[in-house]
Amino acid sequence: MTRIASKFGGSSVADHHQFRKIRDILERDSRRKIVVVSAPGKRHSGEAKLTDLLYLCHELAQKKMPVDDPFSLIRNRFVEIESGLDLKAGIEPEMEEFRHQIFNGADRDFIASRGE
């Protein structure tokens, strides 16, 4: 059987409602066996891009400045997605570990990749 790779990112993974749409797309075609998901996009025009917030966290950490505000936006987005999908994936401890990695000198590419 032929396999189809499907990539979703940006606004198509912006929140848990969008993830449910992805599920429906995947369930409609059993050939869709490979799924690649990239960083969640904006939910509305006034919102910062998740990747931009990750870059901001890196910049602030490099300057030994607090990352609390942008990091809270990142953490909250992933927690909302997890909660909205009724998952118990343990995202909160992962996010706390990520916060420590930012403070301990993780490089820019590593930090940006965590949005994926």
PDB file of N, CA and C in Angstrom:
ATOM      1  N   MET A   1       0.831  -1.177   0.000  1.00  0.00           N
ATOM      2  CA  MET A   1       0.000   0.000   0.000  1.00  0.00           C
ATOM      3  C   MET A   1       0.883   1.249   0.000  1.00  0.00           C
ATOM      4  N   THR A   2       0.486   2.235  -0.734  1.00  0.00           N
ATOM      5  CA  THR A   2       1.190   3.502  -0.801  1.00  0.00           C
ATOM      6  C   THR A   2       1.000   4.268   0.503  1.00  0.00           C
ATOM      7  N   ARG A   3       2.077   4.883   0.961  1.00  0.00           N
ATOM      8  CA  ARG A   3       1.990   5.726   2.156  1.00  0.00           C
ATOM      9  C   ARG A   3       2.074   7.181   1.736  1.00  0.00           C
ATOM     10  N   ILE A   4       1.326   8.002   2.412  1.00  0.00           N
ATOM     11  CA  ILE A   4       1.337   9.437   2.154  1.00  0.00           C
ATOM     12  C   ILE A   4       1.883  10.125   3.393  1.00  0.00           C
ATOM     13  N   ALA A   5       2.847  11.010   3.178  1.00  0.00           N
ATOM     14  CA  ALA A   5       3.362  11.837   4.268  1.00  0.00           C
ATOM     15  C   ALA A   5       2.561  13.136   4.284  1.00  0.00           C
ATOM     16  N   SER A   6       2.164  13.548   5.465  1.00  0.00           N
ATOM     17  CA  SER A   6       1.371  14.762   5.625  1.00  0.00           C
ATOM     18  C   SER A   6       2.077  15.679   6.604  1.00  0.00           C
ATOM     19  N   LYS A   7       2.257  16.953   6.204  1.00  0.00           N
ATOM     20  CA  LYS A   7       2.907  17.915   7.081  1.00  0.00           C
ATOM     21  C   LYS A   7       1.896  18.990   7.462  1.00  0.00           C
ATOM     22  N   PHE A   8       1.858  19.288   8.749  1.00  0.00           N
ATOM     23  CA  PHE A   8       0.961  20.314   9.264  1.00  0.00           C
ATOM     24  C   PHE A   8       1.778  21.262  10.133  1.00  0.00           C
ATOM     25  N   GLY A   9       1.520  22.535   9.987  1.00  0.00           N
ATOM     26  CA  GLY A   9       2.217  23.518  10.811  1.00  0.00           C
ATOM     27  C   GLY A   9       1.487  24.840  10.764  1.00  0.00           C
ATOM     28  N   GLY A  10       2.016  25.806  11.491  1.00  0.00           N
ATOM     29  CA  GLY A  10       1.431  27.140  11.504  1.00  0.00           C
ATOM     30  C   GLY A  10       0.026  27.144  12.046  1.00  0.00           C
ATOM     31  N   SER A  11      -0.873  27.806  11.315  1.00  0.00           N
ATOM     32  CA  SER A  11      -2.252  27.937  11.797  1.00  0.00           C
ATOM     33  C   SER A  11      -2.975  26.594  11.851  1.00  0.00           C
ATOM     34  N   SER A  12      -2.519  25.593  11.096  1.00  0.00           N
ATOM     35  CA  SER A  12      -3.203  24.298  11.126  1.00  0.00           C
ATOM     36  C   SER A  12      -2.906  23.505  12.399  1.00  0.00           C
ATOM     37  N   VAL A  13      -1.967  23.965  13.229  1.00  0.00           N
ATOM     38  CA  VAL A  13      -1.698  23.347  14.527  1.00  0.00           C
ATOM     39  C   VAL A  13      -1.718  24.395  15.644  1.00  0.00           C
ATOM     40  N   ALA A  14      -2.458  25.471  15.423  1.00  0.00           N
ATOM     41  CA  ALA A  14      -2.453  26.604  16.347  1.00  0.00           C
ATOM     42  C   ALA A  14      -3.100  26.311  17.690  1.00  0.00           C
ATOM     43  N   ASP A  15      -4.067  25.382  17.705  1.00  0.00           N
ATOM     44  CA  ASP A  15      -4.735  25.057  18.962  1.00  0.00           C
ATOM     45  C   ASP A  15      -5.335  23.658  18.875  1.00  0.00           C
ATOM     46  N   HIS A  16      -5.973  23.220  19.971  1.00  0.00           N
ATOM     47  CA  HIS A  16      -6.486  21.847  19.996  1.00  0.00           C
ATOM     48  C   HIS A  16      -7.603  21.617  18.986  1.00  0.00           C
ATOM     49  N   HIS A  17      -8.361  22.661  18.639  1.00  0.00           N
ATOM     50  CA  HIS A  17      -9.406  22.508  17.632  1.00  0.00           C
ATOM     51  C   HIS A  17      -8.792  22.144  16.278  1.00  0.00           C
ATOM     52  N   GLN A  18      -7.670  22.775  15.979  1.00  0.00           N
ATOM     53  CA  GLN A  18      -6.992  22.497  14.715  1.00  0.00           C
ATOM     54  C   GLN A  18      -6.430  21.076  14.699  1.00  0.00           C
ATOM     55  N   PHE A  19      -5.935  20.601  15.833  1.00  0.00           N
ATOM     56  CA  PHE A  19      -5.431  19.226  15.907  1.00  0.00           C
ATOM     57  C   PHE A  19      -6.554  18.220  15.647  1.00  0.00           C
ATOM     58  N   ARG A  20      -7.741  18.540  16.100  1.00  0.00           N
ATOM     59  CA  ARG A  20      -8.884  17.650  15.833  1.00  0.00           C
ATOM     60  C   ARG A  20      -9.196  17.603  14.342  1.00  0.00           C
ATOM     61  N   LYS A  21      -9.044  18.734  13.652  1.00  0.00           N
ATOM     62  CA  LYS A  21      -9.237  18.760  12.196  1.00  0.00           C
ATOM     63  C   LYS A  21      -8.192  17.879  11.513  1.00  0.00           C
ATOM     64  N   ILE A  22      -6.965  17.942  12.008  1.00  0.00           N
ATOM     65  CA  ILE A  22      -5.899  17.101  11.453  1.00  0.00           C
ATOM     66  C   ILE A  22      -6.259  15.629  11.633  1.00  0.00           C
ATOM     67  N   ARG A  23      -6.730  15.285  12.824  1.00  0.00           N
ATOM     68  CA  ARG A  23      -7.143  13.900  13.074  1.00  0.00           C
ATOM     69  C   ARG A  23      -8.177  13.449  12.049  1.00  0.00           C
ATOM     70  N   ASP A  24      -9.155  14.319  11.783  1.00  0.00           N
ATOM     71  CA  ASP A  24     -10.200  13.974  10.830  1.00  0.00           C
ATOM     72  C   ASP A  24      -9.631  13.775   9.425  1.00  0.00           C
ATOM     73  N   ILE A  25      -8.697  14.610   9.029  1.00  0.00           N
ATOM     74  CA  ILE A  25      -8.052  14.473   7.719  1.00  0.00           C
ATOM     75  C   ILE A  25      -7.318  13.139   7.635  1.00  0.00           C
ATOM     76  N   LEU A  26      -6.583  12.809   8.674  1.00  0.00           N
ATOM     77  CA  LEU A  26      -5.812  11.567   8.681  1.00  0.00           C
ATOM     78  C   LEU A  26      -6.725  10.343   8.660  1.00  0.00           C
ATOM     79  N   GLU A  27      -7.821  10.405   9.392  1.00  0.00           N
ATOM     80  CA  GLU A  27      -8.731   9.260   9.466  1.00  0.00           C
ATOM     81  C   GLU A  27      -9.485   9.026   8.157  1.00  0.00           C
ATOM     82  N   ARG A  28      -9.601  10.065   7.334  1.00  0.00           N
ATOM     83  CA  ARG A  28     -10.317   9.921   6.058  1.00  0.00           C
ATOM     84  C   ARG A  28      -9.511   9.172   5.003  1.00  0.00           C
ATOM     85  N   ASP A  29      -8.209   9.029   5.196  1.00  0.00           N
ATOM     86  CA  ASP A  29      -7.385   8.350   4.198  1.00  0.00           C
ATOM     87  C   ASP A  29      -6.343   7.491   4.916  1.00  0.00           C
ATOM     88  N   SER A  30      -6.535   6.195   4.909  1.00  0.00           N
ATOM     89  CA  SER A  30      -5.654   5.274   5.638  1.00  0.00           C
ATOM     90  C   SER A  30      -4.238   5.249   5.072  1.00  0.00           C
ATOM     91  N   ARG A  31      -4.022   5.827   3.898  1.00  0.00           N
ATOM     92  CA  ARG A  31      -2.664   5.889   3.345  1.00  0.00           C
ATOM     93  C   ARG A  31      -1.811   6.947   4.041  1.00  0.00           C
ATOM     94  N   ARG A  32      -2.444   7.837   4.751  1.00  0.00           N
ATOM     95  CA  ARG A  32      -1.704   8.895   5.474  1.00  0.00           C
ATOM     96  C   ARG A  32      -1.087   8.275   6.725  1.00  0.00           C
ATOM     97  N   LYS A  33       0.110   7.747   6.554  1.00  0.00           N
ATOM     98  CA  LYS A  33       0.790   7.004   7.623  1.00  0.00           C
ATOM     99  C   LYS A  33       1.884   7.813   8.320  1.00  0.00           C
ATOM    100  N   ILE A  34       2.406   8.804   7.631  1.00  0.00           N
ATOM    101  CA  ILE A  34       3.527   9.589   8.157  1.00  0.00           C
ATOM    102  C   ILE A  34       3.025  11.010   8.393  1.00  0.00           C
ATOM    103  N   VAL A  35       3.178  11.479   9.624  1.00  0.00           N
ATOM    104  CA  VAL A  35       2.702  12.816   9.973  1.00  0.00           C
ATOM    105  C   VAL A  35       3.869  13.615  10.534  1.00  0.00           C
ATOM    106  N   VAL A  36       4.065  14.788   9.975  1.00  0.00           N
ATOM    107  CA  VAL A  36       5.100  15.711  10.432  1.00  0.00           C
ATOM    108  C   VAL A  36       4.392  16.976  10.901  1.00  0.00           C
ATOM    109  N   VAL A  37       4.694  17.384  12.117  1.00  0.00           N
ATOM    110  CA  VAL A  37       4.056  18.577  12.685  1.00  0.00           C
ATOM    111  C   VAL A  37       5.143  19.595  13.002  1.00  0.00           C
ATOM    112  N   SER A  38       4.926  20.832  12.570  1.00  0.00           N
ATOM    113  CA  SER A  38       5.873  21.886  12.920  1.00  0.00           C
ATOM    114  C   SER A  38       5.229  22.840  13.920  1.00  0.00           C
ATOM    115  N   ALA A  39       5.889  23.931  14.188  1.00  0.00           N
ATOM    116  CA  ALA A  39       5.492  24.840  15.274  1.00  0.00           C
ATOM    117  C   ALA A  39       4.084  25.403  15.101  1.00  0.00           C
ATOM    118  N   PRO A  40       3.355  25.496  16.214  1.00  0.00           N
ATOM    119  CA  PRO A  40       2.032  26.125  16.159  1.00  0.00           C
ATOM    120  C   PRO A  40       2.127  27.579  15.709  1.00  0.00           C
ATOM    121  N   GLY A  41       1.182  27.980  14.883  1.00  0.00           N
ATOM    122  CA  GLY A  41       1.142  29.359  14.404  1.00  0.00           C
ATOM    123  C   GLY A  41       0.237  30.224  15.257  1.00  0.00           C
ATOM    124  N   LYS A  42      -0.021  31.394  14.751  1.00  0.00           N
ATOM    125  CA  LYS A  42      -0.877  32.349  15.453  1.00  0.00           C
ATOM    126  C   LYS A  42      -2.324  31.881  15.450  1.00  0.00           C
ATOM    127  N   ARG A  43      -3.005  32.150  16.559  1.00  0.00           N
ATOM    128  CA  ARG A  43      -4.441  31.879  16.643  1.00  0.00           C
ATOM    129  C   ARG A  43      -5.248  33.097  16.213  1.00  0.00           C
ATOM    130  N   HIS A  44      -4.632  34.279  16.316  1.00  0.00           N
ATOM    131  CA  HIS A  44      -5.274  35.526  15.898  1.00  0.00           C
ATOM    132  C   HIS A  44      -4.180  36.528  15.549  1.00  0.00           C
ATOM    133  N   SER A  45      -4.552  37.584  14.871  1.00  0.00           N
ATOM    134  CA  SER A  45      -3.563  38.518  14.318  1.00  0.00           C
ATOM    135  C   SER A  45      -2.707  39.222  15.364  1.00  0.00           C
ATOM    136  N   GLY A  46      -3.204  39.424  16.559  1.00  0.00           N
ATOM    137  CA  GLY A  46      -2.444  40.132  17.580  1.00  0.00           C
ATOM    138  C   GLY A  46      -1.455  39.278  18.347  1.00  0.00           C
ATOM    139  N   GLU A  47      -1.404  38.006  18.040  1.00  0.00           N
ATOM    140  CA  GLU A  47      -0.569  37.072  18.794  1.00  0.00           C
ATOM    141  C   GLU A  47       0.832  36.950  18.169  1.00  0.00           C
ATOM    142  N   ALA A  48       1.841  36.801  19.015  1.00  0.00           N
ATOM    143  CA  ALA A  48       3.207  36.590  18.536  1.00  0.00           C
ATOM    144  C   ALA A  48       3.369  35.155  18.046  1.00  0.00           C
ATOM    145  N   LYS A  49       4.221  34.974  17.047  1.00  0.00           N
ATOM    146  CA  LYS A  49       4.534  33.628  16.573  1.00  0.00           C
ATOM    147  C   LYS A  49       5.331  32.899  17.651  1.00  0.00           C
ATOM    148  N   LEU A  50       5.042  31.639  17.822  1.00  0.00           N
ATOM    149  CA  LEU A  50       5.726  30.838  18.828  1.00  0.00           C
ATOM    150  C   LEU A  50       7.243  30.833  18.585  1.00  0.00           C
ATOM    151  N   THR A  51       7.650  30.687  17.336  1.00  0.00           N
ATOM    152  CA  THR A  51       9.088  30.660  17.026  1.00  0.00           C
ATOM    153  C   THR A  51       9.743  31.986  17.402  1.00  0.00           C
ATOM    154  N   ASP A  52       9.054  33.093  17.164  1.00  0.00           N
ATOM    155  CA  ASP A  52       9.598  34.401  17.553  1.00  0.00           C
ATOM    156  C   ASP A  52       9.761  34.495  19.066  1.00  0.00           C
ATOM    157  N   LEU A  53       8.817  33.935  19.808  1.00  0.00           N
ATOM    158  CA  LEU A  53       8.928  33.931  21.272  1.00  0.00           C
ATOM    159  C   LEU A  53      10.107  33.081  21.734  1.00  0.00           C
ATOM    160  N   LEU A  54      10.346  31.986  21.042  1.00  0.00           N
ATOM    161  CA  LEU A  54      11.493  31.136  21.383  1.00  0.00           C
ATOM    162  C   LEU A  54      12.805  31.875  21.132  1.00  0.00           C
ATOM    163  N   TYR A  55      12.883  32.563  20.002  1.00  0.00           N
ATOM    164  CA  TYR A  55      14.091  33.361  19.727  1.00  0.00           C
ATOM    165  C   TYR A  55      14.266  34.460  20.778  1.00  0.00           C
ATOM    166  N   LEU A  56      13.173  35.069  21.193  1.00  0.00           N
ATOM    167  CA  LEU A  56      13.234  36.106  22.225  1.00  0.00           C
ATOM    168  C   LEU A  56      13.756  35.534  23.541  1.00  0.00           C
ATOM    169  N   CYS A  57      13.303  34.346  23.903  1.00  0.00           N
ATOM    170  CA  CYS A  57      13.799  33.694  25.126  1.00  0.00           C
ATOM    171  C   CYS A  57      15.304  33.509  25.048  1.00  0.00           C
ATOM    172  N   HIS A  58      15.793  33.087  23.894  1.00  0.00           N
ATOM    173  CA  HIS A  58      17.242  32.901  23.729  1.00  0.00           C
ATOM    174  C   HIS A  58      17.977  34.221  23.904  1.00  0.00           C
ATOM    175  N   GLU A  59      17.481  35.262  23.238  1.00  0.00           N
ATOM    176  CA  GLU A  59      18.123  36.578  23.343  1.00  0.00           C
ATOM    177  C   GLU A  59      18.178  37.056  24.797  1.00  0.00           C
ATOM    178  N   LEU A  60      17.060  36.958  25.487  1.00  0.00           N
ATOM    179  CA  LEU A  60      17.006  37.409  26.873  1.00  0.00           C
ATOM    180  C   LEU A  60      17.937  36.599  27.764  1.00  0.00           C
ATOM    181  N   ALA A  61      17.944  35.285  27.579  1.00  0.00           N
ATOM    182  CA  ALA A  61      18.815  34.429  28.392  1.00  0.00           C
ATOM    183  C   ALA A  61      20.288  34.762  28.146  1.00  0.00           C
ATOM    184  N   GLN A  62      20.637  35.055  26.900  1.00  0.00           N
ATOM    185  CA  GLN A  62      22.021  35.415  26.582  1.00  0.00           C
ATOM    186  C   GLN A  62      22.444  36.696  27.302  1.00  0.00           C
ATOM    187  N   LYS A  63      21.486  37.571  27.528  1.00  0.00           N
ATOM    188  CA  LYS A  63      21.750  38.837  28.215  1.00  0.00           C
ATOM    189  C   LYS A  63      21.526  38.733  29.717  1.00  0.00           C
ATOM    190  N   LYS A  64      21.260  37.494  30.177  1.00  0.00           N
ATOM    191  CA  LYS A  64      21.004  37.237  31.606  1.00  0.00           C
ATOM    192  C   LYS A  64      19.789  38.012  32.113  1.00  0.00           C
ATOM    193  N   MET A  65      18.798  38.165  31.243  1.00  0.00           N
ATOM    194  CA  MET A  65      17.559  38.851  31.595  1.00  0.00           C
ATOM    195  C   MET A  65      16.457  37.813  31.790  1.00  0.00           C
ATOM    196  N   PRO A  66      15.406  38.160  32.536  1.00  0.00           N
ATOM    197  CA  PRO A  66      14.307  37.204  32.762  1.00  0.00           C
ATOM    198  C   PRO A  66      13.582  36.853  31.460  1.00  0.00           C
ATOM    199  N   VAL A  67      13.185  35.601  31.368  1.00  0.00           N
ATOM    200  CA  VAL A  67      12.438  35.122  30.202  1.00  0.00           C
ATOM    201  C   VAL A  67      10.989  34.802  30.574  1.00  0.00           C
ATOM    202  N   ASP A  68      10.591  35.180  31.772  1.00  0.00           N
ATOM    203  CA  ASP A  68       9.286  34.790  32.300  1.00  0.00           C
ATOM    204  C   ASP A  68       8.113  35.095  31.368  1.00  0.00           C
ATOM    205  N   ASP A  69       8.033  36.313  30.870  1.00  0.00           N
ATOM    206  CA  ASP A  69       6.873  36.691  30.063  1.00  0.00           C
ATOM    207  C   ASP A  69       6.769  35.898  28.757  1.00  0.00           C
ATOM    208  N   PRO A  70       7.800  35.897  27.910  1.00  0.00           N
ATOM    209  CA  PRO A  70       7.644  35.117  26.671  1.00  0.00           C
ATOM    210  C   PRO A  70       7.548  33.615  26.931  1.00  0.00           C
ATOM    211  N   PHE A  71       8.271  33.137  27.939  1.00  0.00           N
ATOM    212  CA  PHE A  71       8.227  31.702  28.214  1.00  0.00           C
ATOM    213  C   PHE A  71       6.833  31.276  28.688  1.00  0.00           C
ATOM    214  N   SER A  72       6.171  32.118  29.464  1.00  0.00           N
ATOM    215  CA  SER A  72       4.812  31.806  29.923  1.00  0.00           C
ATOM    216  C   SER A  72       3.864  31.646  28.741  1.00  0.00           C
ATOM    217  N   LEU A  73       4.003  32.490  27.746  1.00  0.00           N
ATOM    218  CA  LEU A  73       3.154  32.387  26.554  1.00  0.00           C
ATOM    219  C   LEU A  73       3.392  31.065  25.830  1.00  0.00           C
ATOM    220  N   ILE A  74       4.649  30.657  25.740  1.00  0.00           N
ATOM    221  CA  ILE A  74       4.999  29.391  25.082  1.00  0.00           C
ATOM    222  C   ILE A  74       4.433  28.215  25.876  1.00  0.00           C
ATOM    223  N   ARG A  75       4.742  28.190  27.165  1.00  0.00           N
ATOM    224  CA  ARG A  75       4.280  27.099  28.026  1.00  0.00           C
ATOM    225  C   ARG A  75       2.756  26.999  28.004  1.00  0.00           C
ATOM    226  N   ASN A  76       2.083  28.125  28.155  1.00  0.00           N
ATOM    227  CA  ASN A  76       0.626  28.115  28.192  1.00  0.00           C
ATOM    228  C   ASN A  76       0.028  27.570  26.904  1.00  0.00           C
ATOM    229  N   ARG A  77       0.641  27.885  25.775  1.00  0.00           N
ATOM    230  CA  ARG A  77       0.111  27.395  24.499  1.00  0.00           C
ATOM    231  C   ARG A  77       0.158  25.879  24.447  1.00  0.00           C
ATOM    232  N   PHE A  78       1.300  25.303  24.820  1.00  0.00           N
ATOM    233  CA  PHE A  78       1.425  23.840  24.772  1.00  0.00           C
ATOM    234  C   PHE A  78       0.541  23.163  25.827  1.00  0.00           C
ATOM    235  N   VAL A  79       0.409  23.777  26.990  1.00  0.00           N
ATOM    236  CA  VAL A  79      -0.458  23.229  28.032  1.00  0.00           C
ATOM    237  C   VAL A  79      -1.918  23.264  27.570  1.00  0.00           C
ATOM    238  N   GLU A  80      -2.320  24.347  26.927  1.00  0.00           N
ATOM    239  CA  GLU A  80      -3.689  24.454  26.416  1.00  0.00           C
ATOM    240  C   GLU A  80      -3.972  23.385  25.358  1.00  0.00           C
ATOM    241  N   ILE A  81      -3.026  23.141  24.483  1.00  0.00           N
ATOM    242  CA  ILE A  81      -3.208  22.109  23.458  1.00  0.00           C
ATOM    243  C   ILE A  81      -3.343  20.744  24.122  1.00  0.00           C
ATOM    244  N   GLU A  82      -2.449  20.450  25.058  1.00  0.00           N
ATOM    245  CA  GLU A  82      -2.506  19.174  25.763  1.00  0.00           C
ATOM    246  C   GLU A  82      -3.856  19.013  26.472  1.00  0.00           C
ATOM    247  N   SER A  83      -4.266  20.015  27.191  1.00  0.00           N
ATOM    248  CA  SER A  83      -5.511  19.962  27.945  1.00  0.00           C
ATOM    249  C   SER A  83      -6.724  19.860  27.016  1.00  0.00           C
ATOM    250  N   GLY A  84      -6.738  20.658  25.970  1.00  0.00           N
ATOM    251  CA  GLY A  84      -7.861  20.659  25.038  1.00  0.00           C
ATOM    252  C   GLY A  84      -8.043  19.338  24.314  1.00  0.00           C
ATOM    253  N   LEU A  85      -6.975  18.572  24.195  1.00  0.00           N
ATOM    254  CA  LEU A  85      -7.049  17.258  23.561  1.00  0.00           C
ATOM    255  C   LEU A  85      -7.248  16.138  24.585  1.00  0.00           C
ATOM    256  N   ASP A  86      -7.445  16.520  25.847  1.00  0.00           N
ATOM    257  CA  ASP A  86      -7.624  15.554  26.942  1.00  0.00           C
ATOM    258  C   ASP A  86      -6.458  14.573  27.021  1.00  0.00           C
ATOM    259  N   LEU A  87      -5.253  15.087  26.829  1.00  0.00           N
ATOM    260  CA  LEU A  87      -4.044  14.267  26.917  1.00  0.00           C
ATOM    261  C   LEU A  87      -3.393  14.457  28.279  1.00  0.00           C
ATOM    262  N   LYS A  88      -2.652  13.477  28.668  1.00  0.00           N
ATOM    263  CA  LYS A  88      -1.835  13.571  29.876  1.00  0.00           C
ATOM    264  C   LYS A  88      -0.413  13.191  29.476  1.00  0.00           C
ATOM    265  N   ALA A  89       0.152  14.010  28.596  1.00  0.00           N
ATOM    266  CA  ALA A  89       1.471  13.738  28.029  1.00  0.00           C
ATOM    267  C   ALA A  89       2.599  14.218  28.932  1.00  0.00           C
ATOM    268  N   GLY A  90       2.274  14.966  29.977  1.00  0.00           N
ATOM    269  CA  GLY A  90       3.307  15.453  30.888  1.00  0.00           C
ATOM    270  C   GLY A  90       4.071  16.643  30.340  1.00  0.00           C
ATOM    271  N   ILE A  91       3.370  17.552  29.675  1.00  0.00           N
ATOM    272  CA  ILE A  91       4.045  18.686  29.047  1.00  0.00           C
ATOM    273  C   ILE A  91       4.629  19.658  30.077  1.00  0.00           C
ATOM    274  N   GLU A  92       3.979  19.815  31.227  1.00  0.00           N
ATOM    275  CA  GLU A  92       4.466  20.797  32.213  1.00  0.00           C
ATOM    276  C   GLU A  92       5.887  20.487  32.688  1.00  0.00           C
ATOM    277  N   PRO A  93       6.189  19.243  33.107  1.00  0.00           N
ATOM    278  CA  PRO A  93       7.577  18.967  33.511  1.00  0.00           C
ATOM    279  C   PRO A  93       8.566  19.129  32.355  1.00  0.00           C
ATOM    280  N   GLU A  94       8.127  18.797  31.152  1.00  0.00           N
ATOM    281  CA  GLU A  94       8.990  18.974  29.976  1.00  0.00           C
ATOM    282  C   GLU A  94       9.296  20.455  29.758  1.00  0.00           C
ATOM    283  N   MET A  95       8.297  21.280  29.947  1.00  0.00           N
ATOM    284  CA  MET A  95       8.489  22.714  29.773  1.00  0.00           C
ATOM    285  C   MET A  95       9.425  23.268  30.842  1.00  0.00           C
ATOM    286  N   GLU A  96       9.322  22.757  32.051  1.00  0.00           N
ATOM    287  CA  GLU A  96      10.218  23.216  33.121  1.00  0.00           C
ATOM    288  C   GLU A  96      11.659  22.820  32.805  1.00  0.00           C
ATOM    289  N   GLU A  97      11.841  21.611  32.310  1.00  0.00           N
ATOM    290  CA  GLU A  97      13.181  21.171  31.894  1.00  0.00           C
ATOM    291  C   GLU A  97      13.703  22.060  30.769  1.00  0.00           C
ATOM    292  N   PHE A  98      12.848  22.396  29.830  1.00  0.00           N
ATOM    293  CA  PHE A  98      13.229  23.272  28.722  1.00  0.00           C
ATOM    294  C   PHE A  98      13.652  24.647  29.237  1.00  0.00           C
ATOM    295  N   ARG A  99      12.919  25.158  30.207  1.00  0.00           N
ATOM    296  CA  ARG A  99      13.267  26.461  30.798  1.00  0.00           C
ATOM    297  C   ARG A  99      14.689  26.418  31.372  1.00  0.00           C
ATOM    298  N   HIS A 100      15.024  25.327  32.051  1.00  0.00           N
ATOM    299  CA  HIS A 100      16.380  25.175  32.595  1.00  0.00           C
ATOM    300  C   HIS A 100      17.414  25.110  31.474  1.00  0.00           C
ATOM    301  N   GLN A 101      17.086  24.457  30.396  1.00  0.00           N
ATOM    302  CA  GLN A 101      18.011  24.369  29.263  1.00  0.00           C
ATOM    303  C   GLN A 101      18.278  25.755  28.685  1.00  0.00           C
ATOM    304  N   ILE A 102      17.241  26.574  28.605  1.00  0.00           N
ATOM    305  CA  ILE A 102      17.417  27.948  28.110  1.00  0.00           C
ATOM    306  C   ILE A 102      18.402  28.690  29.010  1.00  0.00           C
ATOM    307  N   PHE A 103      18.199  28.607  30.318  1.00  0.00           N
ATOM    308  CA  PHE A 103      19.062  29.316  31.269  1.00  0.00           C
ATOM    309  C   PHE A 103      20.474  28.755  31.310  1.00  0.00           C
ATOM    310  N   ASN A 104      20.623  27.491  30.952  1.00  0.00           N
ATOM    311  CA  ASN A 104      21.948  26.867  31.003  1.00  0.00           C
ATOM    312  C   ASN A 104      22.689  26.925  29.676  1.00  0.00           C
ATOM    313  N   GLY A 105      22.280  27.845  28.796  1.00  0.00           N
ATOM    314  CA  GLY A 105      23.069  28.112  27.608  1.00  0.00           C
ATOM    315  C   GLY A 105      22.718  27.328  26.359  1.00  0.00           C
ATOM    316  N   ALA A 106      21.511  26.748  26.277  1.00  0.00           N
ATOM    317  CA  ALA A 106      21.122  26.059  25.045  1.00  0.00           C
ATOM    318  C   ALA A 106      21.251  27.035  23.875  1.00  0.00           C
ATOM    319  N   ASP A 107      21.715  26.522  22.738  1.00  0.00           N
ATOM    320  CA  ASP A 107      21.916  27.439  21.616  1.00  0.00           C
ATOM    321  C   ASP A 107      20.599  27.773  20.916  1.00  0.00           C
ATOM    322  N   ARG A 108      20.664  28.785  20.092  1.00  0.00           N
ATOM    323  CA  ARG A 108      19.488  29.357  19.431  1.00  0.00           C
ATOM    324  C   ARG A 108      18.719  28.321  18.619  1.00  0.00           C
ATOM    325  N   ASP A 109      19.419  27.501  17.862  1.00  0.00           N
ATOM    326  CA  ASP A 109      18.751  26.496  17.025  1.00  0.00           C
ATOM    327  C   ASP A 109      18.046  25.456  17.879  1.00  0.00           C
ATOM    328  N   PHE A 110      18.684  25.014  18.959  1.00  0.00           N
ATOM    329  CA  PHE A 110      18.062  24.050  19.866  1.00  0.00           C
ATOM    330  C   PHE A 110      16.765  24.631  20.427  1.00  0.00           C
ATOM    331  N   ILE A 111      16.831  25.878  20.883  1.00  0.00           N
ATOM    332  CA  ILE A 111      15.664  26.504  21.488  1.00  0.00           C
ATOM    333  C   ILE A 111      14.543  26.640  20.466  1.00  0.00           C
ATOM    334  N   ALA A 112      14.857  27.108  19.269  1.00  0.00           N
ATOM    335  CA  ALA A 112      13.829  27.254  18.232  1.00  0.00           C
ATOM    336  C   ALA A 112      13.217  25.917  17.853  1.00  0.00           C
ATOM    337  N   SER A 113      14.015  24.869  17.868  1.00  0.00           N
ATOM    338  CA  SER A 113      13.521  23.538  17.462  1.00  0.00           C
ATOM    339  C   SER A 113      12.499  22.987  18.437  1.00  0.00           C
ATOM    340  N   ARG A 114      12.450  23.483  19.667  1.00  0.00           N
ATOM    341  CA  ARG A 114      11.499  22.981  20.654  1.00  0.00           C
ATOM    342  C   ARG A 114      10.075  23.367  20.297  1.00  0.00           C
ATOM    343  N   GLY A 115       9.892  24.307  19.396  1.00  0.00           N
ATOM    344  CA  GLY A 115       8.547  24.647  18.949  1.00  0.00           C
ATOM    345  C   GLY A 115       7.977  23.634  17.980  1.00  0.00           C
ATOM    346  N   GLU A 116       8.835  22.831  17.417  1.00  0.00           N
ATOM    347  CA  GLU A 116       8.407  21.863  16.409  1.00  0.00           C
ATOM    348  C   GLU A 116       7.765  20.647  17.022  1.00  0.00           C
TER     349      GLU A 116
END
